[in-house]
Amino acid sequence: METDRHETRFRLTLIAMIVLLFAVPIGTAKALDLDARTPVTIAEDTLRENYDLVLIDDAGHAIPEDSGAVTQSEFSMTPGSTTEGVPFKLHGKLVHCTISMPDDDPRSVTATCDS
């Protein structure tokens, strides 16, 4: 009977430790609003979400979201910088955009595109 109590306590402690192993990092990331993406990826996602701009590859084809493929749609991430003539696809059509990075927050990236 005494052994059963110790075994139960051990199992509960083990389960609690396993739960904490996953809960603490996930909870910390959510509480501190941490993002596992790189600043470049955040900026590219912002352009896709706010302006419907799609990155293109060397052949001018649209790159699927989160593909990690090499892109022609490169721009400066330096705060205060502006990059002109960056190629993107907008609703299936090739456009060239001026990309501005006003500050060090990649979510603040803006785009102005030709028709």
PDB file of N, CA and C in Angstrom:
ATOM      1  N   MET A   1       0.826  -1.191   0.000  1.00  0.00           N
ATOM      2  CA  MET A   1       0.000   0.000   0.000  1.00  0.00           C
ATOM      3  C   MET A   1       0.870   1.255   0.000  1.00  0.00           C
ATOM      4  N   GLU A   2       1.907   1.251   0.833  1.00  0.00           N
ATOM      5  CA  GLU A   2       2.838   2.376   0.893  1.00  0.00           C
ATOM      6  C   GLU A   2       3.532   2.572  -0.461  1.00  0.00           C
ATOM      7  N   THR A   3       3.860   1.478  -1.127  1.00  0.00           N
ATOM      8  CA  THR A   3       4.514   1.538  -2.429  1.00  0.00           C
ATOM      9  C   THR A   3       3.592   2.167  -3.464  1.00  0.00           C
ATOM     10  N   ASP A   4       2.321   1.853  -3.419  1.00  0.00           N
ATOM     11  CA  ASP A   4       1.365   2.425  -4.360  1.00  0.00           C
ATOM     12  C   ASP A   4       1.279   3.944  -4.217  1.00  0.00           C
ATOM     13  N   ARG A   5       1.337   4.442  -2.989  1.00  0.00           N
ATOM     14  CA  ARG A   5       1.286   5.883  -2.765  1.00  0.00           C
ATOM     15  C   ARG A   5       2.514   6.576  -3.335  1.00  0.00           C
ATOM     16  N   HIS A   6       3.682   5.972  -3.124  1.00  0.00           N
ATOM     17  CA  HIS A   6       4.914   6.553  -3.661  1.00  0.00           C
ATOM     18  C   HIS A   6       4.924   6.506  -5.189  1.00  0.00           C
ATOM     19  N   GLU A   7       4.416   5.420  -5.730  1.00  0.00           N
ATOM     20  CA  GLU A   7       4.356   5.288  -7.187  1.00  0.00           C
ATOM     21  C   GLU A   7       3.397   6.320  -7.775  1.00  0.00           C
ATOM     22  N   THR A   8       2.268   6.526  -7.127  1.00  0.00           N
ATOM     23  CA  THR A   8       1.301   7.523  -7.584  1.00  0.00           C
ATOM     24  C   THR A   8       1.901   8.923  -7.505  1.00  0.00           C
ATOM     25  N   ARG A   9       2.582   9.215  -6.411  1.00  0.00           N
ATOM     26  CA  ARG A   9       3.218  10.523  -6.256  1.00  0.00           C
ATOM     27  C   ARG A   9       4.283  10.726  -7.340  1.00  0.00           C
ATOM     28  N   PHE A  10       5.055   9.684  -7.618  1.00  0.00           N
ATOM     29  CA  PHE A  10       6.085   9.764  -8.657  1.00  0.00           C
ATOM     30  C   PHE A  10       5.455  10.045 -10.018  1.00  0.00           C
ATOM     31  N   ARG A  11       4.393   9.322 -10.324  1.00  0.00           N
ATOM     32  CA  ARG A  11       3.738   9.511 -11.626  1.00  0.00           C
ATOM     33  C   ARG A  11       3.155  10.917 -11.753  1.00  0.00           C
ATOM     34  N   LEU A  12       2.526  11.403 -10.708  1.00  0.00           N
ATOM     35  CA  LEU A  12       1.969  12.757 -10.750  1.00  0.00           C
ATOM     36  C   LEU A  12       3.067  13.805 -10.899  1.00  0.00           C
ATOM     37  N   THR A  13       4.177  13.603 -10.198  1.00  0.00           N
ATOM     38  CA  THR A  13       5.307  14.531 -10.324  1.00  0.00           C
ATOM     39  C   THR A  13       5.866  14.498 -11.737  1.00  0.00           C
ATOM     40  N   LEU A  14       5.998  13.310 -12.303  1.00  0.00           N
ATOM     41  CA  LEU A  14       6.509  13.168 -13.665  1.00  0.00           C
ATOM     42  C   LEU A  14       5.580  13.846 -14.674  1.00  0.00           C
ATOM     43  N   ILE A  15       4.285  13.644 -14.524  1.00  0.00           N
ATOM     44  CA  ILE A  15       3.308  14.276 -15.423  1.00  0.00           C
ATOM     45  C   ILE A  15       3.376  15.795 -15.288  1.00  0.00           C
ATOM     46  N   ALA A  16       3.459  16.295 -14.068  1.00  0.00           N
ATOM     47  CA  ALA A  16       3.545  17.745 -13.853  1.00  0.00           C
ATOM     48  C   ALA A  16       4.801  18.321 -14.491  1.00  0.00           C
ATOM     49  N   MET A  17       5.918  17.616 -14.392  1.00  0.00           N
ATOM     50  CA  MET A  17       7.165  18.108 -14.991  1.00  0.00           C
ATOM     51  C   MET A  17       7.082  18.129 -16.516  1.00  0.00           C
ATOM     52  N   ILE A  18       6.450  17.116 -17.092  1.00  0.00           N
ATOM     53  CA  ILE A  18       6.294  17.080 -18.551  1.00  0.00           C
ATOM     54  C   ILE A  18       5.396  18.227 -19.010  1.00  0.00           C
ATOM     55  N   VAL A  19       4.312  18.471 -18.285  1.00  0.00           N
ATOM     56  CA  VAL A  19       3.416  19.586 -18.628  1.00  0.00           C
ATOM     57  C   VAL A  19       4.168  20.908 -18.536  1.00  0.00           C
ATOM     58  N   LEU A  20       4.937  21.102 -17.481  1.00  0.00           N
ATOM     59  CA  LEU A  20       5.705  22.340 -17.316  1.00  0.00           C
ATOM     60  C   LEU A  20       6.767  22.500 -18.396  1.00  0.00           C
ATOM     61  N   LEU A  21       7.331  21.385 -18.844  1.00  0.00           N
ATOM     62  CA  LEU A  21       8.347  21.425 -19.893  1.00  0.00           C
ATOM     63  C   LEU A  21       7.820  22.106 -21.153  1.00  0.00           C
ATOM     64  N   PHE A  22       6.552  21.900 -21.450  1.00  0.00           N
ATOM     65  CA  PHE A  22       5.955  22.517 -22.632  1.00  0.00           C
ATOM     66  C   PHE A  22       5.237  23.824 -22.310  1.00  0.00           C
ATOM     67  N   ALA A  23       4.608  23.905 -21.157  1.00  0.00           N
ATOM     68  CA  ALA A  23       3.796  25.074 -20.815  1.00  0.00           C
ATOM     69  C   ALA A  23       4.627  26.322 -20.558  1.00  0.00           C
ATOM     70  N   VAL A  24       5.763  26.185 -19.893  1.00  0.00           N
ATOM     71  CA  VAL A  24       6.568  27.365 -19.547  1.00  0.00           C
ATOM     72  C   VAL A  24       7.101  28.079 -20.794  1.00  0.00           C
ATOM     73  N   PRO A  25       7.758  27.391 -21.745  1.00  0.00           N
ATOM     74  CA  PRO A  25       8.239  28.124 -22.931  1.00  0.00           C
ATOM     75  C   PRO A  25       7.110  28.714 -23.780  1.00  0.00           C
ATOM     76  N   ILE A  26       6.035  27.966 -23.942  1.00  0.00           N
ATOM     77  CA  ILE A  26       4.919  28.466 -24.748  1.00  0.00           C
ATOM     78  C   ILE A  26       4.263  29.655 -24.057  1.00  0.00           C
ATOM     79  N   GLY A  27       4.045  29.544 -22.758  1.00  0.00           N
ATOM     80  CA  GLY A  27       3.452  30.645 -21.999  1.00  0.00           C
ATOM     81  C   GLY A  27       4.320  31.883 -22.005  1.00  0.00           C
ATOM     82  N   THR A  28       5.619  31.703 -21.872  1.00  0.00           N
ATOM     83  CA  THR A  28       6.551  32.834 -21.900  1.00  0.00           C
ATOM     84  C   THR A  28       6.535  33.515 -23.261  1.00  0.00           C
ATOM     85  N   ALA A  29       6.560  32.734 -24.326  1.00  0.00           N
ATOM     86  CA  ALA A  29       6.541  33.300 -25.680  1.00  0.00           C
ATOM     87  C   ALA A  29       5.267  34.102 -25.919  1.00  0.00           C
ATOM     88  N   LYS A  30       4.141  33.589 -25.467  1.00  0.00           N
ATOM     89  CA  LYS A  30       2.875  34.309 -25.649  1.00  0.00           C
ATOM     90  C   LYS A  30       2.801  35.550 -24.767  1.00  0.00           C
ATOM     91  N   ALA A  31       3.246  35.439 -23.535  1.00  0.00           N
ATOM     92  CA  ALA A  31       3.180  36.570 -22.601  1.00  0.00           C
ATOM     93  C   ALA A  31       4.077  37.720 -23.041  1.00  0.00           C
ATOM     94  N   LEU A  32       5.237  37.408 -23.587  1.00  0.00           N
ATOM     95  CA  LEU A  32       6.178  38.444 -24.015  1.00  0.00           C
ATOM     96  C   LEU A  32       6.017  38.809 -25.484  1.00  0.00           C
ATOM     97  N   ASP A  33       5.020  38.225 -26.147  1.00  0.00           N
ATOM     98  CA  ASP A  33       4.747  38.477 -27.564  1.00  0.00           C
ATOM     99  C   ASP A  33       5.989  38.227 -28.416  1.00  0.00           C
ATOM    100  N   LEU A  34       6.647  37.106 -28.180  1.00  0.00           N
ATOM    101  CA  LEU A  34       7.835  36.746 -28.947  1.00  0.00           C
ATOM    102  C   LEU A  34       7.421  36.135 -30.276  1.00  0.00           C
ATOM    103  N   ASP A  35       8.214  36.365 -31.290  1.00  0.00           N
ATOM    104  CA  ASP A  35       7.934  35.873 -32.627  1.00  0.00           C
ATOM    105  C   ASP A  35       9.149  35.101 -33.112  1.00  0.00           C
ATOM    106  N   ALA A  36       8.957  33.879 -33.551  1.00  0.00           N
ATOM    107  CA  ALA A  36      10.073  33.035 -33.978  1.00  0.00           C
ATOM    108  C   ALA A  36      10.557  33.385 -35.385  1.00  0.00           C
ATOM    109  N   ARG A  37       9.808  34.224 -36.094  1.00  0.00           N
ATOM    110  CA  ARG A  37      10.214  34.588 -37.453  1.00  0.00           C
ATOM    111  C   ARG A  37      11.342  35.613 -37.423  1.00  0.00           C
ATOM    112  N   THR A  38      12.106  35.660 -38.503  1.00  0.00           N
ATOM    113  CA  THR A  38      13.155  36.668 -38.624  1.00  0.00           C
ATOM    114  C   THR A  38      12.516  38.008 -38.979  1.00  0.00           C
ATOM    115  N   PRO A  39      13.212  39.123 -38.742  1.00  0.00           N
ATOM    116  CA  PRO A  39      12.657  40.426 -39.127  1.00  0.00           C
ATOM    117  C   PRO A  39      12.325  40.517 -40.618  1.00  0.00           C
ATOM    118  N   VAL A  40      13.142  39.909 -41.468  1.00  0.00           N
ATOM    119  CA  VAL A  40      12.868  39.935 -42.911  1.00  0.00           C
ATOM    120  C   VAL A  40      11.556  39.212 -43.201  1.00  0.00           C
ATOM    121  N   THR A  41      11.367  38.064 -42.595  1.00  0.00           N
ATOM    122  CA  THR A  41      10.134  37.302 -42.799  1.00  0.00           C
ATOM    123  C   THR A  41       8.926  38.073 -42.291  1.00  0.00           C
ATOM    124  N   ILE A  42       9.060  38.745 -41.162  1.00  0.00           N
ATOM    125  CA  ILE A  42       7.956  39.558 -40.631  1.00  0.00           C
ATOM    126  C   ILE A  42       7.612  40.674 -41.612  1.00  0.00           C
ATOM    127  N   ALA A  43       8.627  41.347 -42.152  1.00  0.00           N
ATOM    128  CA  ALA A  43       8.391  42.427 -43.118  1.00  0.00           C
ATOM    129  C   ALA A  43       7.736  41.885 -44.391  1.00  0.00           C
ATOM    130  N   GLU A  44       8.227  40.745 -44.894  1.00  0.00           N
ATOM    131  CA  GLU A  44       7.633  40.150 -46.095  1.00  0.00           C
ATOM    132  C   GLU A  44       6.183  39.750 -45.844  1.00  0.00           C
ATOM    133  N   ASP A  45       5.912  39.175 -44.688  1.00  0.00           N
ATOM    134  CA  ASP A  45       4.534  38.809 -44.343  1.00  0.00           C
ATOM    135  C   ASP A  45       3.649  40.045 -44.218  1.00  0.00           C
ATOM    136  N   THR A  46       4.194  41.128 -43.680  1.00  0.00           N
ATOM    137  CA  THR A  46       3.440  42.382 -43.562  1.00  0.00           C
ATOM    138  C   THR A  46       3.085  42.922 -44.944  1.00  0.00           C
ATOM    139  N   LEU A  47       4.034  42.883 -45.880  1.00  0.00           N
ATOM    140  CA  LEU A  47       3.754  43.340 -47.246  1.00  0.00           C
ATOM    141  C   LEU A  47       2.687  42.470 -47.902  1.00  0.00           C
ATOM    142  N   ARG A  48       2.738  41.179 -47.640  1.00  0.00           N
ATOM    143  CA  ARG A  48       1.738  40.267 -48.209  1.00  0.00           C
ATOM    144  C   ARG A  48       0.355  40.555 -47.605  1.00  0.00           C
ATOM    145  N   GLU A  49       0.306  40.732 -46.292  1.00  0.00           N
ATOM    146  CA  GLU A  49      -0.978  40.932 -45.613  1.00  0.00           C
ATOM    147  C   GLU A  49      -1.582  42.309 -45.882  1.00  0.00           C
ATOM    148  N   ASN A  50      -0.763  43.360 -45.873  1.00  0.00           N
ATOM    149  CA  ASN A  50      -1.278  44.727 -46.000  1.00  0.00           C
ATOM    150  C   ASN A  50      -1.426  45.201 -47.440  1.00  0.00           C
ATOM    151  N   TYR A  51      -0.596  44.687 -48.337  1.00  0.00           N
ATOM    152  CA  TYR A  51      -0.584  45.191 -49.716  1.00  0.00           C
ATOM    153  C   TYR A  51      -0.851  44.111 -50.761  1.00  0.00           C
ATOM    154  N   ASP A  52      -1.039  42.864 -50.353  1.00  0.00           N
ATOM    155  CA  ASP A  52      -1.236  41.721 -51.262  1.00  0.00           C
ATOM    156  C   ASP A  52      -0.045  41.504 -52.189  1.00  0.00           C
ATOM    157  N   LEU A  53       1.140  41.902 -51.754  1.00  0.00           N
ATOM    158  CA  LEU A  53       2.339  41.724 -52.569  1.00  0.00           C
ATOM    159  C   LEU A  53       2.900  40.323 -52.355  1.00  0.00           C
ATOM    160  N   VAL A  54       3.255  39.666 -53.456  1.00  0.00           N
ATOM    161  CA  VAL A  54       3.794  38.310 -53.408  1.00  0.00           C
ATOM    162  C   VAL A  54       5.226  38.352 -53.924  1.00  0.00           C
ATOM    163  N   LEU A  55       6.132  37.720 -53.197  1.00  0.00           N
ATOM    164  CA  LEU A  55       7.533  37.654 -53.612  1.00  0.00           C
ATOM    165  C   LEU A  55       7.655  36.866 -54.906  1.00  0.00           C
ATOM    166  N   ILE A  56       8.678  37.202 -55.714  1.00  0.00           N
ATOM    167  CA  ILE A  56       8.906  36.463 -56.958  1.00  0.00           C
ATOM    168  C   ILE A  56      10.312  35.877 -56.969  1.00  0.00           C
ATOM    169  N   ASP A  57      10.474  34.805 -57.765  1.00  0.00           N
ATOM    170  CA  ASP A  57      11.787  34.179 -57.906  1.00  0.00           C
ATOM    171  C   ASP A  57      12.515  34.774 -59.106  1.00  0.00           C
ATOM    172  N   ASP A  58      13.686  34.217 -59.433  1.00  0.00           N
ATOM    173  CA  ASP A  58      14.495  34.749 -60.538  1.00  0.00           C
ATOM    174  C   ASP A  58      13.786  34.678 -61.883  1.00  0.00           C
ATOM    175  N   ALA A  59      12.873  33.730 -62.048  1.00  0.00           N
ATOM    176  CA  ALA A  59      12.139  33.589 -63.305  1.00  0.00           C
ATOM    177  C   ALA A  59      10.885  34.464 -63.339  1.00  0.00           C
ATOM    178  N   GLY A  60      10.602  35.180 -62.249  1.00  0.00           N
ATOM    179  CA  GLY A  60       9.436  36.042 -62.195  1.00  0.00           C
ATOM    180  C   GLY A  60       8.169  35.348 -61.737  1.00  0.00           C
ATOM    181  N   HIS A  61       8.298  34.116 -61.243  1.00  0.00           N
ATOM    182  CA  HIS A  61       7.139  33.377 -60.748  1.00  0.00           C
ATOM    183  C   HIS A  61       6.912  33.679 -59.272  1.00  0.00           C
ATOM    184  N   ALA A  62       5.660  33.653 -58.876  1.00  0.00           N
ATOM    185  CA  ALA A  62       5.312  33.899 -57.475  1.00  0.00           C
ATOM    186  C   ALA A  62       5.875  32.797 -56.586  1.00  0.00           C
ATOM    187  N   ILE A  63       6.394  33.200 -55.438  1.00  0.00           N
ATOM    188  CA  ILE A  63       6.933  32.249 -54.466  1.00  0.00           C
ATOM    189  C   ILE A  63       5.855  31.995 -53.418  1.00  0.00           C
ATOM    190  N   PRO A  64       5.544  30.727 -53.152  1.00  0.00           N
ATOM    191  CA  PRO A  64       4.539  30.432 -52.124  1.00  0.00           C
ATOM    192  C   PRO A  64       4.966  30.972 -50.760  1.00  0.00           C
ATOM    193  N   GLU A  65       3.985  31.316 -49.971  1.00  0.00           N
ATOM    194  CA  GLU A  65       4.248  31.841 -48.628  1.00  0.00           C
ATOM    195  C   GLU A  65       5.036  30.820 -47.807  1.00  0.00           C
ATOM    196  N   ASP A  66       6.026  31.292 -47.061  1.00  0.00           N
ATOM    197  CA  ASP A  66       6.865  30.464 -46.182  1.00  0.00           C
ATOM    198  C   ASP A  66       7.652  29.394 -46.929  1.00  0.00           C
ATOM    199  N   SER A  67       7.999  29.628 -48.204  1.00  0.00           N
ATOM    200  CA  SER A  67       8.731  28.605 -48.951  1.00  0.00           C
ATOM    201  C   SER A  67      10.227  28.633 -48.665  1.00  0.00           C
ATOM    202  N   GLY A  68      10.779  29.800 -48.360  1.00  0.00           N
ATOM    203  CA  GLY A  68      12.215  29.898 -48.114  1.00  0.00           C
ATOM    204  C   GLY A  68      13.041  29.919 -49.388  1.00  0.00           C
ATOM    205  N   ALA A  69      12.400  30.008 -50.543  1.00  0.00           N
ATOM    206  CA  ALA A  69      13.121  30.038 -51.816  1.00  0.00           C
ATOM    207  C   ALA A  69      13.823  31.383 -52.000  1.00  0.00           C
ATOM    208  N   VAL A  70      14.827  31.394 -52.869  1.00  0.00           N
ATOM    209  CA  VAL A  70      15.550  32.623 -53.186  1.00  0.00           C
ATOM    210  C   VAL A  70      14.595  33.568 -53.914  1.00  0.00           C
ATOM    211  N   THR A  71      14.641  34.841 -53.551  1.00  0.00           N
ATOM    212  CA  THR A  71      13.700  35.807 -54.111  1.00  0.00           C
ATOM    213  C   THR A  71      14.417  36.971 -54.780  1.00  0.00           C
ATOM    214  N   GLN A  72      13.762  37.533 -55.778  1.00  0.00           N
ATOM    215  CA  GLN A  72      14.227  38.778 -56.403  1.00  0.00           C
ATOM    216  C   GLN A  72      13.687  39.985 -55.655  1.00  0.00           C
ATOM    217  N   SER A  73      12.680  39.768 -54.842  1.00  0.00           N
ATOM    218  CA  SER A  73      11.994  40.846 -54.130  1.00  0.00           C
ATOM    219  C   SER A  73      12.749  41.206 -52.854  1.00  0.00           C
ATOM    220  N   GLU A  74      13.947  41.728 -53.009  1.00  0.00           N
ATOM    221  CA  GLU A  74      14.775  42.069 -51.852  1.00  0.00           C
ATOM    222  C   GLU A  74      14.776  43.573 -51.617  1.00  0.00           C
ATOM    223  N   PHE A  75      14.784  43.953 -50.337  1.00  0.00           N
ATOM    224  CA  PHE A  75      14.781  45.363 -49.960  1.00  0.00           C
ATOM    225  C   PHE A  75      15.571  45.530 -48.679  1.00  0.00           C
ATOM    226  N   SER A  76      15.989  46.769 -48.425  1.00  0.00           N
ATOM    227  CA  SER A  76      16.804  47.067 -47.251  1.00  0.00           C
ATOM    228  C   SER A  76      15.953  47.068 -45.989  1.00  0.00           C
ATOM    229  N   MET A  77      16.513  46.484 -44.934  1.00  0.00           N
ATOM    230  CA  MET A  77      15.835  46.445 -43.639  1.00  0.00           C
ATOM    231  C   MET A  77      16.400  47.495 -42.679  1.00  0.00           C
ATOM    232  N   THR A  78      17.295  48.346 -43.155  1.00  0.00           N
ATOM    233  CA  THR A  78      17.898  49.374 -42.320  1.00  0.00           C
ATOM    234  C   THR A  78      16.848  50.428 -41.964  1.00  0.00           C
ATOM    235  N   PRO A  79      16.702  50.765 -40.676  1.00  0.00           N
ATOM    236  CA  PRO A  79      15.723  51.790 -40.293  1.00  0.00           C
ATOM    237  C   PRO A  79      15.957  53.100 -41.047  1.00  0.00           C
ATOM    238  N   GLY A  80      14.887  53.661 -41.599  1.00  0.00           N
ATOM    239  CA  GLY A  80      14.966  54.904 -42.351  1.00  0.00           C
ATOM    240  C   GLY A  80      15.295  54.716 -43.821  1.00  0.00           C
ATOM    241  N   SER A  81      15.462  53.483 -44.272  1.00  0.00           N
ATOM    242  CA  SER A  81      15.858  53.240 -45.663  1.00  0.00           C
ATOM    243  C   SER A  81      14.648  53.147 -46.587  1.00  0.00           C
ATOM    244  N   THR A  82      14.917  53.410 -47.872  1.00  0.00           N
ATOM    245  CA  THR A  82      13.927  53.262 -48.933  1.00  0.00           C
ATOM    246  C   THR A  82      14.594  52.524 -50.079  1.00  0.00           C
ATOM    247  N   THR A  83      13.947  51.475 -50.572  1.00  0.00           N
ATOM    248  CA  THR A  83      14.466  50.698 -51.694  1.00  0.00           C
ATOM    249  C   THR A  83      13.483  50.841 -52.843  1.00  0.00           C
ATOM    250  N   GLU A  84      13.971  51.304 -53.985  1.00  0.00           N
ATOM    251  CA  GLU A  84      13.104  51.526 -55.146  1.00  0.00           C
ATOM    252  C   GLU A  84      13.223  50.385 -56.147  1.00  0.00           C
ATOM    253  N   GLY A  85      12.159  50.180 -56.915  1.00  0.00           N
ATOM    254  CA  GLY A  85      12.173  49.212 -58.009  1.00  0.00           C
ATOM    255  C   GLY A  85      12.193  47.756 -57.579  1.00  0.00           C
ATOM    256  N   VAL A  86      11.608  47.451 -56.441  1.00  0.00           N
ATOM    257  CA  VAL A  86      11.587  46.062 -55.961  1.00  0.00           C
ATOM    258  C   VAL A  86      10.444  45.323 -56.666  1.00  0.00           C
ATOM    259  N   PRO A  87      10.759  44.224 -57.378  1.00  0.00           N
ATOM    260  CA  PRO A  87       9.708  43.504 -58.111  1.00  0.00           C
ATOM    261  C   PRO A  87       8.874  42.602 -57.198  1.00  0.00           C
ATOM    262  N   PHE A  88       7.569  42.620 -57.422  1.00  0.00           N
ATOM    263  CA  PHE A  88       6.612  41.763 -56.719  1.00  0.00           C
ATOM    264  C   PHE A  88       5.532  41.366 -57.711  1.00  0.00           C
ATOM    265  N   LYS A  89       4.699  40.421 -57.313  1.00  0.00           N
ATOM    266  CA  LYS A  89       3.467  40.122 -58.040  1.00  0.00           C
ATOM    267  C   LYS A  89       2.323  40.695 -57.212  1.00  0.00           C
ATOM    268  N   LEU A  90       1.427  41.389 -57.881  1.00  0.00           N
ATOM    269  CA  LEU A  90       0.233  41.941 -57.250  1.00  0.00           C
ATOM    270  C   LEU A  90      -0.961  41.465 -58.061  1.00  0.00           C
ATOM    271  N   HIS A  91      -1.747  40.570 -57.499  1.00  0.00           N
ATOM    272  CA  HIS A  91      -2.897  39.977 -58.185  1.00  0.00           C
ATOM    273  C   HIS A  91      -2.481  39.357 -59.518  1.00  0.00           C
ATOM    274  N   GLY A  92      -1.331  38.671 -59.522  1.00  0.00           N
ATOM    275  CA  GLY A  92      -0.841  37.968 -60.700  1.00  0.00           C
ATOM    276  C   GLY A  92      -0.090  38.826 -61.699  1.00  0.00           C
ATOM    277  N   LYS A  93       0.024  40.119 -61.436  1.00  0.00           N
ATOM    278  CA  LYS A  93       0.669  41.043 -62.370  1.00  0.00           C
ATOM    279  C   LYS A  93       1.985  41.537 -61.769  1.00  0.00           C
ATOM    280  N   LEU A  94       3.038  41.620 -62.582  1.00  0.00           N
ATOM    281  CA  LEU A  94       4.338  42.104 -62.122  1.00  0.00           C
ATOM    282  C   LEU A  94       4.272  43.608 -61.872  1.00  0.00           C
ATOM    283  N   VAL A  95       4.698  44.028 -60.689  1.00  0.00           N
ATOM    284  CA  VAL A  95       4.764  45.445 -60.340  1.00  0.00           C
ATOM    285  C   VAL A  95       6.116  45.729 -59.704  1.00  0.00           C
ATOM    286  N   HIS A  96       6.536  46.979 -59.771  1.00  0.00           N
ATOM    287  CA  HIS A  96       7.757  47.417 -59.098  1.00  0.00           C
ATOM    288  C   HIS A  96       7.347  48.401 -58.006  1.00  0.00           C
ATOM    289  N   CYS A  97       7.890  48.174 -56.822  1.00  0.00           N
ATOM    290  CA  CYS A  97       7.462  48.942 -55.658  1.00  0.00           C
ATOM    291  C   CYS A  97       8.632  49.652 -54.994  1.00  0.00           C
ATOM    292  N   THR A  98       8.299  50.730 -54.313  1.00  0.00           N
ATOM    293  CA  THR A  98       9.245  51.419 -53.444  1.00  0.00           C
ATOM    294  C   THR A  98       8.903  50.985 -52.028  1.00  0.00           C
ATOM    295  N   ILE A  99       9.871  50.346 -51.379  1.00  0.00           N
ATOM    296  CA  ILE A  99       9.667  49.804 -50.039  1.00  0.00           C
ATOM    297  C   ILE A  99      10.389  50.698 -49.043  1.00  0.00           C
ATOM    298  N   SER A 100       9.661  51.161 -48.033  1.00  0.00           N
ATOM    299  CA  SER A 100      10.241  52.029 -47.002  1.00  0.00           C
ATOM    300  C   SER A 100      10.202  51.327 -45.652  1.00  0.00           C
ATOM    301  N   MET A 101      11.304  51.461 -44.932  1.00  0.00           N
ATOM    302  CA  MET A 101      11.421  50.902 -43.583  1.00  0.00           C
ATOM    303  C   MET A 101      11.619  52.084 -42.639  1.00  0.00           C
ATOM    304  N   PRO A 102      10.530  52.668 -42.104  1.00  0.00           N
ATOM    305  CA  PRO A 102      10.641  53.895 -41.314  1.00  0.00           C
ATOM    306  C   PRO A 102      11.407  53.747 -39.999  1.00  0.00           C
ATOM    307  N   ASP A 103      11.299  52.586 -39.369  1.00  0.00           N
ATOM    308  CA  ASP A 103      12.000  52.388 -38.093  1.00  0.00           C
ATOM    309  C   ASP A 103      12.471  50.942 -37.987  1.00  0.00           C
ATOM    310  N   ASP A 104      12.866  50.521 -36.795  1.00  0.00           N
ATOM    311  CA  ASP A 104      13.419  49.180 -36.647  1.00  0.00           C
ATOM    312  C   ASP A 104      12.359  48.095 -36.436  1.00  0.00           C
ATOM    313  N   ASP A 105      11.072  48.452 -36.507  1.00  0.00           N
ATOM    314  CA  ASP A 105       9.999  47.470 -36.392  1.00  0.00           C
ATOM    315  C   ASP A 105       9.644  46.965 -37.790  1.00  0.00           C
ATOM    316  N   PRO A 106       9.889  45.683 -38.085  1.00  0.00           N
ATOM    317  CA  PRO A 106       9.601  45.178 -39.431  1.00  0.00           C
ATOM    318  C   PRO A 106       8.117  45.229 -39.797  1.00  0.00           C
ATOM    319  N   ARG A 107       7.242  45.360 -38.808  1.00  0.00           N
ATOM    320  CA  ARG A 107       5.804  45.463 -39.088  1.00  0.00           C
ATOM    321  C   ARG A 107       5.419  46.844 -39.622  1.00  0.00           C
ATOM    322  N   SER A 108       6.339  47.807 -39.542  1.00  0.00           N
ATOM    323  CA  SER A 108       6.040  49.167 -39.993  1.00  0.00           C
ATOM    324  C   SER A 108       6.432  49.398 -41.453  1.00  0.00           C
ATOM    325  N   VAL A 109       6.850  48.354 -42.153  1.00  0.00           N
ATOM    326  CA  VAL A 109       7.257  48.480 -43.551  1.00  0.00           C
ATOM    327  C   VAL A 109       6.070  48.967 -44.393  1.00  0.00           C
ATOM    328  N   THR A 110       6.373  49.846 -45.360  1.00  0.00           N
ATOM    329  CA  THR A 110       5.332  50.357 -46.258  1.00  0.00           C
ATOM    330  C   THR A 110       5.759  50.159 -47.699  1.00  0.00           C
ATOM    331  N   ALA A 111       4.786  50.167 -48.598  1.00  0.00           N
ATOM    332  CA  ALA A 111       5.056  49.969 -50.018  1.00  0.00           C
ATOM    333  C   ALA A 111       4.209  50.917 -50.851  1.00  0.00           C
ATOM    334  N   THR A 112       4.832  51.427 -51.909  1.00  0.00           N
ATOM    335  CA  THR A 112       4.132  52.200 -52.927  1.00  0.00           C
ATOM    336  C   THR A 112       4.491  51.556 -54.253  1.00  0.00           C
ATOM    337  N   CYS A 113       3.484  51.124 -55.008  1.00  0.00           N
ATOM    338  CA  CYS A 113       3.743  50.363 -56.233  1.00  0.00           C
ATOM    339  C   CYS A 113       3.189  51.072 -57.456  1.00  0.00           C
ATOM    340  N   ASP A 114       3.884  50.846 -58.604  1.00  0.00           N
ATOM    341  CA  ASP A 114       3.380  51.359 -59.874  1.00  0.00           C
ATOM    342  C   ASP A 114       2.279  50.426 -60.365  1.00  0.00           C
ATOM    343  N   SER A 115       1.539  50.865 -61.340  1.00  0.00           N
ATOM    344  CA  SER A 115       0.421  50.048 -61.837  1.00  0.00           C
ATOM    345  C   SER A 115       0.864  49.046 -62.837  1.00  0.00           C
TER     346      SER A 115
END
